[in-house]
């Protein structure tokens, strides 16, 4: 799989942060020398923003990187990090900060996702997606809603590529039982979930109401894994204040442990598919 701009930016940012810390220089000191806000340099180091060539050259001088081969690798990373992903054509409707998630998702080797309210976008039917978006984006125009729907369905192509990511999806039972878009739309969505659960790269589980309290009571989250071991996992949370990305080892590890506990408490994949089928049949 070709490495896209989002992962390139993360790799470059991680290396720049490593070089800075090796010199025991504070981020604020570097930002001041570059004439940048510390928050801007932080976004470069976390891979959330591309790096201008002039800034990169100055950073390499500051960090004493003189090896021509190493400099060229970092320069190439910066250049490739400026490339636009396919989702860039939807910038006019992309929620702030969500483009980062789409870019990470597009390059993922594995996705572990827990949802509490709706089916995850990767497995939504077109009708279900429209019903969700129409409710969540009440003030958007019909054209904006159309483009948001197109973006959501376009994201699903990641599951059809030659080397698709392994998707492990845990849905709270409320997701299965919540009627969205009317009985016909909900029935179609549940039947699609049952079908998708048979795909070789998809595992579906339902966390039943009977499980009681569980480690993810704070809400849904996604853990994104990458093909290269050098690219650390990322945890994504959605919130009213915008997307939250966690990358520190202890935070990612805590979420991974929570997901493992959810898997243990959830129904088996077979029983989960049976429940979705039964609820679909009961819809009138």
C-alpha atoms as a PDB file:
ATOM      1  CA  UNK A   1       0.000   0.000   0.000  1.00  0.00           C
ATOM      2  CA  UNK A   2       1.351   3.442  -0.923  1.00  0.00           C
ATOM      3  CA  UNK A   3       2.105   5.688   2.022  1.00  0.00           C
ATOM      4  CA  UNK A   4      -0.135   8.757   1.960  1.00  0.00           C
ATOM      5  CA  UNK A   5       0.496  12.336   3.073  1.00  0.00           C
ATOM      6  CA  UNK A   6      -1.034  11.970   6.540  1.00  0.00           C
ATOM      7  CA  UNK A   7       1.338   9.223   7.660  1.00  0.00           C
ATOM      8  CA  UNK A   8       4.276  10.988   5.956  1.00  0.00           C
ATOM      9  CA  UNK A   9       3.565  14.107   8.020  1.00  0.00           C
ATOM     10  CA  UNK A  10       3.362  12.028  11.206  1.00  0.00           C
ATOM     11  CA  UNK A  11       6.701  10.338  10.485  1.00  0.00           C
ATOM     12  CA  UNK A  12       8.403  13.648   9.718  1.00  0.00           C
ATOM     13  CA  UNK A  13       6.926  15.325  12.796  1.00  0.00           C
ATOM     14  CA  UNK A  14       7.996  12.452  15.016  1.00  0.00           C
ATOM     15  CA  UNK A  15      11.563  12.633  13.689  1.00  0.00           C
ATOM     16  CA  UNK A  16      11.711  16.409  14.126  1.00  0.00           C
ATOM     17  CA  UNK A  17      10.501  16.057  17.700  1.00  0.00           C
ATOM     18  CA  UNK A  18      13.134  13.352  18.348  1.00  0.00           C
ATOM     19  CA  UNK A  19      15.887  15.571  16.944  1.00  0.00           C
ATOM     20  CA  UNK A  20      14.765  18.525  19.051  1.00  0.00           C
ATOM     21  CA  UNK A  21      14.581  16.489  22.260  1.00  0.00           C
ATOM     22  CA  UNK A  22      18.015  14.964  21.547  1.00  0.00           C
ATOM     23  CA  UNK A  23      19.381  18.513  21.644  1.00  0.00           C
ATOM     24  CA  UNK A  24      17.404  19.242  24.837  1.00  0.00           C
ATOM     25  CA  UNK A  25      15.790  22.289  23.205  1.00  0.00           C
ATOM     26  CA  UNK A  26      12.321  23.373  24.290  1.00  0.00           C
ATOM     27  CA  UNK A  27       9.613  23.604  21.642  1.00  0.00           C
ATOM     28  CA  UNK A  28       8.957  27.240  22.595  1.00  0.00           C
ATOM     29  CA  UNK A  29      12.608  28.158  22.000  1.00  0.00           C
ATOM     30  CA  UNK A  30      12.585  26.635  18.517  1.00  0.00           C
ATOM     31  CA  UNK A  31       9.283  28.289  17.643  1.00  0.00           C
ATOM     32  CA  UNK A  32      10.643  31.681  18.710  1.00  0.00           C
ATOM     33  CA  UNK A  33      13.744  31.291  16.545  1.00  0.00           C
ATOM     34  CA  UNK A  34      11.556  30.370  13.562  1.00  0.00           C
ATOM     35  CA  UNK A  35       9.130  33.206  14.226  1.00  0.00           C
ATOM     36  CA  UNK A  36       6.287  30.740  14.688  1.00  0.00           C
ATOM     37  CA  UNK A  37       3.658  30.294  17.346  1.00  0.00           C
ATOM     38  CA  UNK A  38       4.482  27.338  19.590  1.00  0.00           C
ATOM     39  CA  UNK A  39       1.102  25.826  18.694  1.00  0.00           C
ATOM     40  CA  UNK A  40       2.062  25.864  14.986  1.00  0.00           C
ATOM     41  CA  UNK A  41       5.315  24.019  15.626  1.00  0.00           C
ATOM     42  CA  UNK A  42       3.426  21.564  17.841  1.00  0.00           C
ATOM     43  CA  UNK A  43       1.061  20.814  14.946  1.00  0.00           C
ATOM     44  CA  UNK A  44       4.084  20.143  12.706  1.00  0.00           C
ATOM     45  CA  UNK A  45       5.634  17.796  15.275  1.00  0.00           C
ATOM     46  CA  UNK A  46       2.378  15.892  15.725  1.00  0.00           C
ATOM     47  CA  UNK A  47       1.883  15.584  11.967  1.00  0.00           C
ATOM     48  CA  UNK A  48      -1.281  17.661  11.922  1.00  0.00           C
ATOM     49  CA  UNK A  49       0.211  20.295   9.614  1.00  0.00           C
ATOM     50  CA  UNK A  50       2.702  20.153   6.716  1.00  0.00           C
ATOM     51  CA  UNK A  51       6.164  21.705   6.997  1.00  0.00           C
ATOM     52  CA  UNK A  52       7.380  24.508   4.766  1.00  0.00           C
ATOM     53  CA  UNK A  53      10.757  23.892   3.136  1.00  0.00           C
ATOM     54  CA  UNK A  54      12.224  27.054   4.681  1.00  0.00           C
ATOM     55  CA  UNK A  55      11.187  25.971   8.175  1.00  0.00           C
ATOM     56  CA  UNK A  56      12.514  22.449   7.643  1.00  0.00           C
ATOM     57  CA  UNK A  57      15.890  23.747   6.429  1.00  0.00           C
ATOM     58  CA  UNK A  58      16.169  25.992   9.469  1.00  0.00           C
ATOM     59  CA  UNK A  59      15.220  23.132  11.796  1.00  0.00           C
ATOM     60  CA  UNK A  60      17.814  20.796  10.308  1.00  0.00           C
ATOM     61  CA  UNK A  61      20.492  23.466  10.770  1.00  0.00           C
ATOM     62  CA  UNK A  62      19.345  24.093  14.331  1.00  0.00           C
ATOM     63  CA  UNK A  63      19.428  20.380  15.154  1.00  0.00           C
ATOM     64  CA  UNK A  64      22.829  19.821  13.543  1.00  0.00           C
ATOM     65  CA  UNK A  65      21.642  17.430  10.837  1.00  0.00           C
ATOM     66  CA  UNK A  66      24.508  17.490   8.356  1.00  0.00           C
ATOM     67  CA  UNK A  67      24.288  14.038   6.761  1.00  0.00           C
ATOM     68  CA  UNK A  68      23.136  14.590   3.167  1.00  0.00           C
ATOM     69  CA  UNK A  69      21.223  11.311   3.002  1.00  0.00           C
ATOM     70  CA  UNK A  70      19.296  11.973   6.204  1.00  0.00           C
ATOM     71  CA  UNK A  71      18.485  15.529   5.135  1.00  0.00           C
ATOM     72  CA  UNK A  72      17.176  14.313   1.768  1.00  0.00           C
ATOM     73  CA  UNK A  73      14.921  11.715   3.399  1.00  0.00           C
ATOM     74  CA  UNK A  74      13.363  14.402   5.622  1.00  0.00           C
ATOM     75  CA  UNK A  75      13.038  16.847   2.730  1.00  0.00           C
ATOM     76  CA  UNK A  76      11.280  14.168   0.656  1.00  0.00           C
ATOM     77  CA  UNK A  77       8.939  13.435   3.577  1.00  0.00           C
ATOM     78  CA  UNK A  78       8.057  17.116   3.815  1.00  0.00           C
ATOM     79  CA  UNK A  79       7.407  17.334   0.076  1.00  0.00           C
ATOM     80  CA  UNK A  80       5.174  14.248   0.103  1.00  0.00           C
ATOM     81  CA  UNK A  81       3.394  15.545   3.194  1.00  0.00           C
ATOM     82  CA  UNK A  82       2.160  18.472   1.122  1.00  0.00           C
ATOM     83  CA  UNK A  83       0.336  16.199  -1.302  1.00  0.00           C
ATOM     84  CA  UNK A  84      -3.445  16.255  -1.142  1.00  0.00           C
ATOM     85  CA  UNK A  85      -5.393  13.141  -0.225  1.00  0.00           C
ATOM     86  CA  UNK A  86      -8.555  12.213  -2.125  1.00  0.00           C
ATOM     87  CA  UNK A  87     -10.629  13.741   0.708  1.00  0.00           C
ATOM     88  CA  UNK A  88      -9.247  17.223  -0.025  1.00  0.00           C
ATOM     89  CA  UNK A  89     -12.000  17.770  -2.618  1.00  0.00           C
ATOM     90  CA  UNK A  90     -14.451  17.663   0.301  1.00  0.00           C
ATOM     91  CA  UNK A  91     -12.674  20.383   2.314  1.00  0.00           C
ATOM     92  CA  UNK A  92     -15.736  22.599   1.972  1.00  0.00           C
ATOM     93  CA  UNK A  93     -17.845  20.182   4.036  1.00  0.00           C
ATOM     94  CA  UNK A  94     -15.245  18.337   6.143  1.00  0.00           C
ATOM     95  CA  UNK A  95     -15.728  19.099   9.844  1.00  0.00           C
ATOM     96  CA  UNK A  96     -12.729  20.904  11.338  1.00  0.00           C
ATOM     97  CA  UNK A  97      -9.930  18.459  12.072  1.00  0.00           C
ATOM     98  CA  UNK A  98     -11.756  15.445  10.640  1.00  0.00           C
ATOM     99  CA  UNK A  99      -9.596  15.361   7.520  1.00  0.00           C
ATOM    100  CA  UNK A 100      -6.772  14.056   9.719  1.00  0.00           C
ATOM    101  CA  UNK A 101      -8.917  11.102  10.764  1.00  0.00           C
ATOM    102  CA  UNK A 102      -9.934  10.325   7.184  1.00  0.00           C
ATOM    103  CA  UNK A 103      -6.273  10.355   6.173  1.00  0.00           C
ATOM    104  CA  UNK A 104      -5.286   8.013   9.009  1.00  0.00           C
ATOM    105  CA  UNK A 105      -8.229   5.714   8.288  1.00  0.00           C
ATOM    106  CA  UNK A 106      -7.274   5.549   4.614  1.00  0.00           C
ATOM    107  CA  UNK A 107      -3.829   4.190   5.523  1.00  0.00           C
ATOM    108  CA  UNK A 108      -4.805   1.958   8.434  1.00  0.00           C
ATOM    109  CA  UNK A 109      -3.908  -1.703   8.740  1.00  0.00           C
ATOM    110  CA  UNK A 110      -6.376  -2.209  11.568  1.00  0.00           C
ATOM    111  CA  UNK A 111      -9.320  -0.388  13.126  1.00  0.00           C
ATOM    112  CA  UNK A 112     -10.774  -1.158  16.542  1.00  0.00           C
ATOM    113  CA  UNK A 113     -13.939   0.849  17.019  1.00  0.00           C
ATOM    114  CA  UNK A 114     -16.576   1.139  19.730  1.00  0.00           C
ATOM    115  CA  UNK A 115     -19.823   2.962  18.904  1.00  0.00           C
ATOM    116  CA  UNK A 116     -22.656   3.946  21.250  1.00  0.00           C
ATOM    117  CA  UNK A 117     -25.241   5.774  19.125  1.00  0.00           C
ATOM    118  CA  UNK A 118     -24.988   4.947  15.425  1.00  0.00           C
ATOM    119  CA  UNK A 119     -23.401   2.404  13.114  1.00  0.00           C
ATOM    120  CA  UNK A 120     -19.861   3.415  12.246  1.00  0.00           C
ATOM    121  CA  UNK A 121     -19.584   5.299   8.959  1.00  0.00           C
ATOM    122  CA  UNK A 122     -17.558   2.527   7.323  1.00  0.00           C
ATOM    123  CA  UNK A 123     -20.568   0.188   7.476  1.00  0.00           C
ATOM    124  CA  UNK A 124     -23.450   2.610   6.992  1.00  0.00           C
ATOM    125  CA  UNK A 125     -25.813   2.157   4.072  1.00  0.00           C
ATOM    126  CA  UNK A 126     -26.405   5.187   1.870  1.00  0.00           C
ATOM    127  CA  UNK A 127     -29.957   5.621   3.210  1.00  0.00           C
ATOM    128  CA  UNK A 128     -28.893   5.295   6.837  1.00  0.00           C
ATOM    129  CA  UNK A 129     -26.006   7.741   6.302  1.00  0.00           C
ATOM    130  CA  UNK A 130     -28.363  10.334   4.812  1.00  0.00           C
ATOM    131  CA  UNK A 131     -30.781   9.959   7.735  1.00  0.00           C
ATOM    132  CA  UNK A 132     -27.962  10.449  10.247  1.00  0.00           C
ATOM    133  CA  UNK A 133     -26.426  13.410   8.449  1.00  0.00           C
ATOM    134  CA  UNK A 134     -29.760  15.169   7.950  1.00  0.00           C
ATOM    135  CA  UNK A 135     -30.302  15.096  11.700  1.00  0.00           C
ATOM    136  CA  UNK A 136     -26.785  15.984  12.799  1.00  0.00           C
ATOM    137  CA  UNK A 137     -26.250  18.715  10.189  1.00  0.00           C
ATOM    138  CA  UNK A 138     -29.622  20.433  10.363  1.00  0.00           C
ATOM    139  CA  UNK A 139     -28.350  23.765   9.052  1.00  0.00           C
ATOM    140  CA  UNK A 140     -26.523  22.369   6.015  1.00  0.00           C
ATOM    141  CA  UNK A 141     -27.916  22.846   2.523  1.00  0.00           C
ATOM    142  CA  UNK A 142     -29.113  19.867   0.453  1.00  0.00           C
ATOM    143  CA  UNK A 143     -25.926  20.133  -1.621  1.00  0.00           C
ATOM    144  CA  UNK A 144     -23.734  20.079   1.490  1.00  0.00           C
ATOM    145  CA  UNK A 145     -25.592  17.041   2.815  1.00  0.00           C
ATOM    146  CA  UNK A 146     -25.151  15.326  -0.544  1.00  0.00           C
ATOM    147  CA  UNK A 147     -21.401  15.920  -0.454  1.00  0.00           C
ATOM    148  CA  UNK A 148     -21.153  14.710   3.148  1.00  0.00           C
ATOM    149  CA  UNK A 149     -22.958  11.529   2.136  1.00  0.00           C
ATOM    150  CA  UNK A 150     -20.592  11.065  -0.813  1.00  0.00           C
ATOM    151  CA  UNK A 151     -17.601  11.517   1.505  1.00  0.00           C
ATOM    152  CA  UNK A 152     -18.932   8.918   3.939  1.00  0.00           C
ATOM    153  CA  UNK A 153     -19.513   6.360   1.196  1.00  0.00           C
ATOM    154  CA  UNK A 154     -16.155   7.143  -0.407  1.00  0.00           C
ATOM    155  CA  UNK A 155     -14.442   6.318   2.900  1.00  0.00           C
ATOM    156  CA  UNK A 156     -15.916   2.833   2.718  1.00  0.00           C
ATOM    157  CA  UNK A 157     -13.759   2.010  -0.298  1.00  0.00           C
ATOM    158  CA  UNK A 158     -10.891   1.348   2.139  1.00  0.00           C
ATOM    159  CA  UNK A 159     -12.622  -1.945   2.981  1.00  0.00           C
ATOM    160  CA  UNK A 160     -12.619  -2.973  -0.691  1.00  0.00           C
ATOM    161  CA  UNK A 161      -8.974  -2.402  -1.482  1.00  0.00           C
ATOM    162  CA  UNK A 162      -6.580  -5.289  -2.180  1.00  0.00           C
ATOM    163  CA  UNK A 163      -5.157  -5.150   1.361  1.00  0.00           C
ATOM    164  CA  UNK A 164      -8.110  -3.897   3.436  1.00  0.00           C
ATOM    165  CA  UNK A 165      -7.685  -3.077   7.121  1.00  0.00           C
ATOM    166  CA  UNK A 166      -8.997  -5.484   9.733  1.00  0.00           C
ATOM    167  CA  UNK A 167     -12.086  -3.852  11.208  1.00  0.00           C
ATOM    168  CA  UNK A 168     -13.185  -4.952  14.684  1.00  0.00           C
ATOM    169  CA  UNK A 169     -16.407  -3.113  15.468  1.00  0.00           C
ATOM    170  CA  UNK A 170     -18.230  -3.243  18.795  1.00  0.00           C
ATOM    171  CA  UNK A 171     -21.691  -1.680  18.840  1.00  0.00           C
ATOM    172  CA  UNK A 172     -23.625  -0.890  21.970  1.00  0.00           C
ATOM    173  CA  UNK A 173     -26.977  -2.674  21.870  1.00  0.00           C
ATOM    174  CA  UNK A 174     -28.658   0.743  21.642  1.00  0.00           C
ATOM    175  CA  UNK A 175     -27.168   1.122  18.139  1.00  0.00           C
ATOM    176  CA  UNK A 176     -28.923  -2.048  17.010  1.00  0.00           C
ATOM    177  CA  UNK A 177     -32.232  -1.044  18.535  1.00  0.00           C
ATOM    178  CA  UNK A 178     -32.290   2.657  17.646  1.00  0.00           C
ATOM    179  CA  UNK A 179     -34.596   3.239  14.641  1.00  0.00           C
ATOM    180  CA  UNK A 180     -33.035   5.779  12.286  1.00  0.00           C
ATOM    181  CA  UNK A 181     -34.664   6.859   9.046  1.00  0.00           C
ATOM    182  CA  UNK A 182     -37.744   4.699   9.624  1.00  0.00           C
ATOM    183  CA  UNK A 183     -38.250   0.919   9.746  1.00  0.00           C
ATOM    184  CA  UNK A 184     -37.233   0.246   6.140  1.00  0.00           C
ATOM    185  CA  UNK A 185     -33.964   2.162   6.396  1.00  0.00           C
ATOM    186  CA  UNK A 186     -33.132   0.608   9.763  1.00  0.00           C
ATOM    187  CA  UNK A 187     -33.946  -2.879   8.494  1.00  0.00           C
ATOM    188  CA  UNK A 188     -31.697  -2.365   5.489  1.00  0.00           C
ATOM    189  CA  UNK A 189     -28.895  -1.157   7.751  1.00  0.00           C
ATOM    190  CA  UNK A 190     -29.180  -4.113  10.110  1.00  0.00           C
ATOM    191  CA  UNK A 191     -29.207  -6.572   7.232  1.00  0.00           C
ATOM    192  CA  UNK A 192     -26.105  -4.885   5.831  1.00  0.00           C
ATOM    193  CA  UNK A 193     -24.378  -5.297   9.195  1.00  0.00           C
ATOM    194  CA  UNK A 194     -25.182  -9.008   9.166  1.00  0.00           C
ATOM    195  CA  UNK A 195     -23.778  -9.324   5.645  1.00  0.00           C
ATOM    196  CA  UNK A 196     -20.638  -7.316   6.522  1.00  0.00           C
ATOM    197  CA  UNK A 197     -20.035  -9.477   9.580  1.00  0.00           C
ATOM    198  CA  UNK A 198     -19.312 -12.351   7.162  1.00  0.00           C
ATOM    199  CA  UNK A 199     -16.535 -10.454   5.381  1.00  0.00           C
ATOM    200  CA  UNK A 200     -13.093 -11.914   6.181  1.00  0.00           C
ATOM    201  CA  UNK A 201     -11.685  -8.600   7.426  1.00  0.00           C
ATOM    202  CA  UNK A 202     -14.678  -7.590   9.590  1.00  0.00           C
ATOM    203  CA  UNK A 203     -15.526  -8.722  13.126  1.00  0.00           C
ATOM    204  CA  UNK A 204     -18.790  -7.458  14.596  1.00  0.00           C
ATOM    205  CA  UNK A 205     -19.826  -7.683  18.224  1.00  0.00           C
ATOM    206  CA  UNK A 206     -22.719  -6.209  20.190  1.00  0.00           C
ATOM    207  CA  UNK A 207     -22.281  -5.065  23.777  1.00  0.00           C
ATOM    208  CA  UNK A 208     -25.604  -6.003  25.421  1.00  0.00           C
ATOM    209  CA  UNK A 209     -27.483  -3.894  27.937  1.00  0.00           C
ATOM    210  CA  UNK A 210     -27.087  -6.801  30.353  1.00  0.00           C
ATOM    211  CA  UNK A 211     -23.325  -6.182  30.523  1.00  0.00           C
ATOM    212  CA  UNK A 212     -24.020  -3.245  32.827  1.00  0.00           C
ATOM    213  CA  UNK A 213     -21.170  -0.866  33.616  1.00  0.00           C
ATOM    214  CA  UNK A 214     -18.178  -1.144  31.309  1.00  0.00           C
ATOM    215  CA  UNK A 215     -14.831   0.608  30.687  1.00  0.00           C
ATOM    216  CA  UNK A 216     -16.077   2.817  27.827  1.00  0.00           C
ATOM    217  CA  UNK A 217     -18.928   4.610  29.566  1.00  0.00           C
ATOM    218  CA  UNK A 218     -17.294   7.910  28.562  1.00  0.00           C
ATOM    219  CA  UNK A 219     -18.259   7.291  24.943  1.00  0.00           C
ATOM    220  CA  UNK A 220     -17.204   5.927  21.554  1.00  0.00           C
ATOM    221  CA  UNK A 221     -13.609   5.790  20.367  1.00  0.00           C
ATOM    222  CA  UNK A 222     -11.462   4.378  17.579  1.00  0.00           C
ATOM    223  CA  UNK A 223      -7.966   2.884  17.685  1.00  0.00           C
ATOM    224  CA  UNK A 224      -6.124   3.184  14.376  1.00  0.00           C
ATOM    225  CA  UNK A 225      -3.223   0.820  13.650  1.00  0.00           C
ATOM    226  CA  UNK A 226      -0.704   1.103  10.803  1.00  0.00           C
ATOM    227  CA  UNK A 227       1.298  -1.412   8.721  1.00  0.00           C
ATOM    228  CA  UNK A 228       4.718  -0.169   9.864  1.00  0.00           C
ATOM    229  CA  UNK A 229       5.727  -0.729  13.480  1.00  0.00           C
ATOM    230  CA  UNK A 230       7.428   2.662  13.446  1.00  0.00           C
ATOM    231  CA  UNK A 231       4.047   4.370  13.020  1.00  0.00           C
ATOM    232  CA  UNK A 232       2.442   4.288  16.491  1.00  0.00           C
ATOM    233  CA  UNK A 233      -1.271   3.675  16.978  1.00  0.00           C
ATOM    234  CA  UNK A 234      -3.611   6.644  17.300  1.00  0.00           C
ATOM    235  CA  UNK A 235      -6.791   6.881  19.359  1.00  0.00           C
ATOM    236  CA  UNK A 236      -9.592   9.091  18.027  1.00  0.00           C
ATOM    237  CA  UNK A 237     -12.512  10.570  19.959  1.00  0.00           C
ATOM    238  CA  UNK A 238     -15.235  12.756  18.491  1.00  0.00           C
ATOM    239  CA  UNK A 239     -16.586  15.596  20.612  1.00  0.00           C
ATOM    240  CA  UNK A 240     -18.652  18.760  20.395  1.00  0.00           C
ATOM    241  CA  UNK A 241     -15.399  20.710  20.633  1.00  0.00           C
ATOM    242  CA  UNK A 242     -13.894  18.864  17.678  1.00  0.00           C
ATOM    243  CA  UNK A 243     -11.859  15.691  17.185  1.00  0.00           C
ATOM    244  CA  UNK A 244      -9.389  14.549  19.839  1.00  0.00           C
ATOM    245  CA  UNK A 245      -6.338  12.483  18.942  1.00  0.00           C
ATOM    246  CA  UNK A 246      -4.331  10.609  21.571  1.00  0.00           C
ATOM    247  CA  UNK A 247      -0.853   9.338  20.695  1.00  0.00           C
ATOM    248  CA  UNK A 248       1.010   8.985  24.003  1.00  0.00           C
ATOM    249  CA  UNK A 249       1.811   5.364  24.758  1.00  0.00           C
ATOM    250  CA  UNK A 250       0.027   5.308  28.108  1.00  0.00           C
ATOM    251  CA  UNK A 251      -3.161   6.804  26.620  1.00  0.00           C
ATOM    252  CA  UNK A 252      -3.215   4.414  23.674  1.00  0.00           C
ATOM    253  CA  UNK A 253      -2.473   1.486  25.960  1.00  0.00           C
ATOM    254  CA  UNK A 254      -5.327   2.440  28.301  1.00  0.00           C
ATOM    255  CA  UNK A 255      -7.775   2.570  25.392  1.00  0.00           C
ATOM    256  CA  UNK A 256      -6.510  -0.742  24.005  1.00  0.00           C
ATOM    257  CA  UNK A 257      -7.047  -2.354  27.402  1.00  0.00           C
ATOM    258  CA  UNK A 258     -10.562  -0.891  27.566  1.00  0.00           C
ATOM    259  CA  UNK A 259     -11.317  -2.291  24.112  1.00  0.00           C
ATOM    260  CA  UNK A 260     -10.085  -5.734  25.147  1.00  0.00           C
ATOM    261  CA  UNK A 261     -12.434  -5.638  28.141  1.00  0.00           C
ATOM    262  CA  UNK A 262     -15.303  -4.617  25.852  1.00  0.00           C
ATOM    263  CA  UNK A 263     -14.562  -7.572  23.576  1.00  0.00           C
ATOM    264  CA  UNK A 264     -14.695  -9.905  26.546  1.00  0.00           C
ATOM    265  CA  UNK A 265     -18.022  -8.467  27.754  1.00  0.00           C
ATOM    266  CA  UNK A 266     -19.675  -8.335  24.307  1.00  0.00           C
ATOM    267  CA  UNK A 267     -21.725 -11.050  22.646  1.00  0.00           C
ATOM    268  CA  UNK A 268     -19.925 -13.438  20.305  1.00  0.00           C
ATOM    269  CA  UNK A 269     -19.833 -12.440  16.610  1.00  0.00           C
ATOM    270  CA  UNK A 270     -22.372 -15.151  15.792  1.00  0.00           C
ATOM    271  CA  UNK A 271     -24.801 -14.121  18.541  1.00  0.00           C
ATOM    272  CA  UNK A 272     -24.322 -10.465  17.582  1.00  0.00           C
ATOM    273  CA  UNK A 273     -25.318 -11.140  13.970  1.00  0.00           C
ATOM    274  CA  UNK A 274     -28.312 -13.180  15.185  1.00  0.00           C
ATOM    275  CA  UNK A 275     -29.467 -10.267  17.343  1.00  0.00           C
ATOM    276  CA  UNK A 276     -29.197  -7.822  14.437  1.00  0.00           C
ATOM    277  CA  UNK A 277     -31.195 -10.220  12.223  1.00  0.00           C
ATOM    278  CA  UNK A 278     -33.860 -10.681  14.884  1.00  0.00           C
ATOM    279  CA  UNK A 279     -34.281  -6.941  15.473  1.00  0.00           C
ATOM    280  CA  UNK A 280     -34.515  -6.393  11.701  1.00  0.00           C
ATOM    281  CA  UNK A 281     -37.315  -8.955  11.422  1.00  0.00           C
ATOM    282  CA  UNK A 282     -39.227  -7.351  14.294  1.00  0.00           C
ATOM    283  CA  UNK A 283     -39.295  -3.899  12.678  1.00  0.00           C
ATOM    284  CA  UNK A 284     -42.730  -2.867  11.392  1.00  0.00           C
END
